[in-house]
Amino acid sequence: MLTTDKLREFGADVDAGLTRCMNNEAFYITLVGKVIGDKRLDLLEQQLADHQLDAAFETAHALKGMYSNLSLDPLTKPVSEMTELLRNKENVDYTAYLKEAKAQFEKLCCL
């Protein structure tokens, strides 16, 4: 069962996330649960593999917003870095960023 204690151990800034959720812990946990069900990280991986940088930027930007609003810091960091590179249409190797994001996502899913 997902708890705020487990999210803190994961590295989430739970207090900041709760503040954005009007200190409603059940609501916060529900929203984090929706993140776990979100498949856009897989979509981002495919868009990057297909060199669809504009679409990848839109997906990364949406993920950055979702992760940031819930203060899921371990996920926010690599996705934010990808977002800024994609914003500038940098044709770089995104493998390390994606690998880190996916690893953190898996950790979140296992909580």
Protein backbone atom coordinates (compact mmCIF):
# COMPACT_ATOMS: atom_id res chain seq x y z
CA MET A 1 0.00 0.00 0.00
CA LEU A 2 1.29 3.43 -0.97
CA THR A 3 1.93 5.70 2.01
CA THR A 4 3.49 9.09 2.61
CA ASP A 5 6.24 7.39 4.61
CA LYS A 6 7.15 5.21 1.64
CA LEU A 7 7.07 8.25 -0.64
CA ARG A 8 9.44 10.07 1.71
CA GLU A 9 11.81 7.09 1.59
CA PHE A 10 11.58 7.24 -2.21
CA GLY A 11 12.77 10.85 -2.04
CA ALA A 12 9.54 12.72 -2.67
CA ASP A 13 9.08 16.06 -0.96
CA VAL A 14 5.80 14.89 0.55
CA ASP A 15 5.23 18.08 2.54
CA ALA A 16 5.39 20.21 -0.61
CA GLY A 17 3.15 17.77 -2.46
CA LEU A 18 0.63 17.78 0.36
CA THR A 19 0.62 21.57 0.39
CA ARG A 20 -0.42 21.54 -3.28
CA CYS A 21 -3.18 19.09 -2.34
CA MET A 22 -4.60 21.26 0.44
CA ASN A 23 -2.92 18.95 2.98
CA ASN A 24 -5.35 16.20 1.99
CA GLU A 25 -3.23 13.06 2.32
CA ALA A 26 -5.81 10.75 0.70
CA PHE A 27 -6.05 13.06 -2.32
CA TYR A 28 -2.27 13.24 -2.62
CA ILE A 29 -1.93 9.45 -2.46
CA THR A 30 -4.69 9.11 -5.08
CA LEU A 31 -2.87 11.46 -7.44
CA VAL A 32 0.43 9.63 -6.96
CA GLY A 33 -1.45 6.41 -7.71
CA LYS A 34 -2.55 7.92 -11.01
CA VAL A 35 1.11 8.65 -11.83
CA ILE A 36 1.86 4.98 -11.35
CA GLY A 37 -0.78 4.13 -13.96
CA ASP A 38 0.48 6.72 -16.45
CA LYS A 39 2.09 5.30 -19.61
CA ARG A 40 3.58 8.52 -21.02
CA LEU A 41 7.11 7.60 -20.00
CA ASP A 42 6.88 4.69 -22.46
CA LEU A 43 5.48 7.09 -25.05
CA LEU A 44 8.41 9.44 -24.47
CA GLU A 45 10.83 6.57 -24.96
CA GLN A 46 9.20 5.70 -28.30
CA GLN A 47 9.13 9.33 -29.45
CA LEU A 48 12.83 9.68 -28.70
CA ALA A 49 13.59 6.42 -30.51
CA ASP A 50 11.68 7.76 -33.54
CA HIS A 51 13.48 11.14 -33.30
CA GLN A 52 10.16 12.94 -32.86
CA LEU A 53 11.71 15.73 -30.83
CA ASP A 54 8.73 18.10 -30.91
CA ALA A 55 6.33 15.39 -29.72
CA ALA A 56 8.91 14.21 -27.17
CA PHE A 57 9.17 17.76 -25.81
CA GLU A 58 5.39 17.94 -25.32
CA THR A 59 5.35 14.59 -23.53
CA ALA A 60 8.38 15.38 -21.37
CA HIS A 61 6.93 18.77 -20.47
CA ALA A 62 3.65 17.17 -19.37
CA LEU A 63 5.51 14.59 -17.29
CA LYS A 64 7.68 17.28 -15.74
CA GLY A 65 4.56 19.16 -14.66
CA MET A 66 2.90 16.08 -13.23
CA TYR A 67 5.98 14.93 -11.32
CA SER A 68 6.82 18.44 -10.13
CA ASN A 69 3.33 19.22 -8.88
CA LEU A 70 3.40 16.09 -6.74
CA SER A 71 7.01 16.75 -5.68
CA LEU A 72 8.22 13.37 -6.94
CA ASP A 73 11.76 14.71 -7.02
CA PRO A 74 13.59 11.54 -8.14
CA LEU A 75 11.41 11.50 -11.27
CA THR A 76 11.33 15.24 -11.76
CA LYS A 77 15.10 15.65 -12.10
CA PRO A 78 15.81 13.48 -15.17
CA VAL A 79 12.57 14.47 -16.90
CA SER A 80 13.26 18.18 -16.30
CA GLU A 81 16.71 17.83 -17.81
CA MET A 82 15.25 16.10 -20.86
CA THR A 83 12.55 18.75 -21.17
CA GLU A 84 15.06 21.58 -21.33
CA LEU A 85 17.21 19.78 -23.89
CA LEU A 86 14.15 19.02 -25.99
CA ARG A 87 12.91 22.60 -25.65
CA ASN A 88 16.14 23.66 -27.35
CA LYS A 89 15.75 20.87 -29.93
CA GLU A 90 19.03 19.30 -28.82
CA ASN A 91 19.66 16.14 -30.80
CA VAL A 92 21.61 14.38 -28.06
CA ASP A 93 21.63 10.89 -26.62
CA TYR A 94 18.75 10.83 -24.13
CA THR A 95 19.46 7.25 -23.04
CA ALA A 96 20.93 8.07 -19.62
CA TYR A 97 18.10 10.47 -18.74
CA LEU A 98 15.47 8.00 -19.86
CA LYS A 99 17.17 5.13 -18.05
CA GLU A 100 17.22 7.14 -14.81
CA ALA A 101 13.59 8.21 -15.20
CA LYS A 102 12.47 4.66 -15.87
CA ALA A 103 14.48 3.32 -12.91
CA GLN A 104 12.89 5.89 -10.60
CA PHE A 105 9.47 5.15 -12.03
CA GLU A 106 9.95 1.45 -11.31
CA LYS A 107 10.96 2.27 -7.72
CA LEU A 108 7.81 4.34 -7.35
CA CYS A 109 5.69 1.51 -8.74
CA CYS A 110 7.15 -0.91 -6.19
CA LEU A 111 6.22 1.21 -3.16
